[in-house]
Amino acid sequence: MLETAQDEHLAAIRAAVRDSHPLTLAYQALGDREPRRRRARPLALEARGDLTYLRAYCYLAEAELTFRLDRVTAVE
């Protein structure tokens, strides 16, 4: 069975949450023309309805943010 990019992102994010290691996200916010790279320390995954969110400390914003996983275009 082929995994979608979103499935691969979710697997990488789950591993980062489990192992408590930072990751880099390319995140396409609603008002942005291009995805932005965000270095973040993942804290938890949360399901709300049909959507999954990542709660993480974002080093760029210097704050805890919530990222919608369907807006993540790449994970490193």
Protein backbone atom coordinates (compact mmCIF):
# COMPACT_ATOMS: atom_id res chain seq x y z
CA MET A 1 0.00 0.00 0.00
CA LEU A 2 1.30 3.45 -0.91
CA GLU A 3 1.64 6.03 1.84
CA THR A 4 0.62 9.57 1.12
CA ALA A 5 2.95 12.46 1.95
CA GLN A 6 0.64 13.37 4.84
CA ASP A 7 0.95 9.81 6.24
CA GLU A 8 4.74 10.08 6.03
CA HIS A 9 4.65 13.47 7.77
CA LEU A 10 2.45 12.08 10.53
CA ALA A 11 4.81 9.13 11.09
CA ALA A 12 7.83 11.46 11.35
CA ILE A 13 5.97 13.80 13.70
CA ARG A 14 4.78 10.92 15.89
CA ALA A 15 8.39 9.72 16.20
CA ALA A 16 9.55 13.25 17.12
CA VAL A 17 6.86 13.54 19.80
CA ARG A 18 7.71 10.09 21.17
CA ASP A 19 11.48 10.71 21.17
CA SER A 20 11.23 14.39 22.22
CA HIS A 21 13.45 15.63 19.41
CA PRO A 22 13.01 18.86 17.43
CA LEU A 23 12.02 18.88 13.79
CA THR A 24 11.78 21.33 10.93
CA LEU A 25 8.40 21.84 9.29
CA ALA A 26 7.50 23.55 6.05
CA TYR A 27 4.14 25.03 7.03
CA GLN A 28 1.65 26.69 4.70
CA ALA A 29 -0.37 29.05 6.89
CA LEU A 30 -3.71 30.24 5.53
CA GLY A 31 -2.54 33.76 4.60
CA ASP A 32 0.96 32.82 3.36
CA ARG A 33 1.81 32.53 -0.34
CA GLU A 34 4.63 30.06 0.31
CA PRO A 35 5.28 27.56 3.10
CA ARG A 36 7.56 28.83 5.86
CA ARG A 37 10.23 26.75 7.53
CA ARG A 38 9.65 26.40 11.25
CA ARG A 39 12.00 24.71 13.72
CA ALA A 40 9.86 23.28 16.50
CA ARG A 41 9.96 21.03 19.56
CA PRO A 42 6.87 18.80 19.29
CA LEU A 43 4.78 18.49 22.44
CA ALA A 44 1.64 16.56 21.47
CA LEU A 45 -0.63 15.49 18.65
CA GLU A 46 -4.32 16.30 19.01
CA ALA A 47 -7.29 15.11 16.96
CA ARG A 48 -10.20 17.50 16.58
CA GLY A 49 -12.96 16.25 14.36
CA ASP A 50 -11.44 15.14 11.06
CA LEU A 51 -8.25 17.17 11.56
CA THR A 52 -5.02 16.44 13.40
CA TYR A 53 -2.96 19.17 15.01
CA LEU A 54 0.58 19.36 16.34
CA ARG A 55 1.12 21.37 19.48
CA ALA A 56 4.77 22.45 19.52
CA TYR A 57 7.17 25.07 20.80
CA CYS A 58 8.20 27.13 17.75
CA TYR A 59 11.72 28.55 18.04
CA LEU A 60 10.99 31.23 15.41
CA ALA A 61 7.93 32.58 17.23
CA GLU A 62 9.43 31.81 20.66
CA ALA A 63 6.02 30.49 21.69
CA GLU A 64 3.89 27.39 21.82
CA LEU A 65 1.87 27.13 18.59
CA THR A 66 -0.63 24.72 17.10
CA PHE A 67 -0.05 23.52 13.53
CA ARG A 68 -2.70 21.85 11.37
CA LEU A 69 -1.09 18.76 9.88
CA ASP A 70 -2.86 19.13 6.53
CA ARG A 71 -0.94 22.39 6.12
CA VAL A 72 2.47 20.76 6.67
CA THR A 73 4.17 20.38 3.29
CA ALA A 74 7.48 18.84 4.48
CA VAL A 75 9.05 17.43 7.64
CA GLU A 76 12.77 17.05 8.37
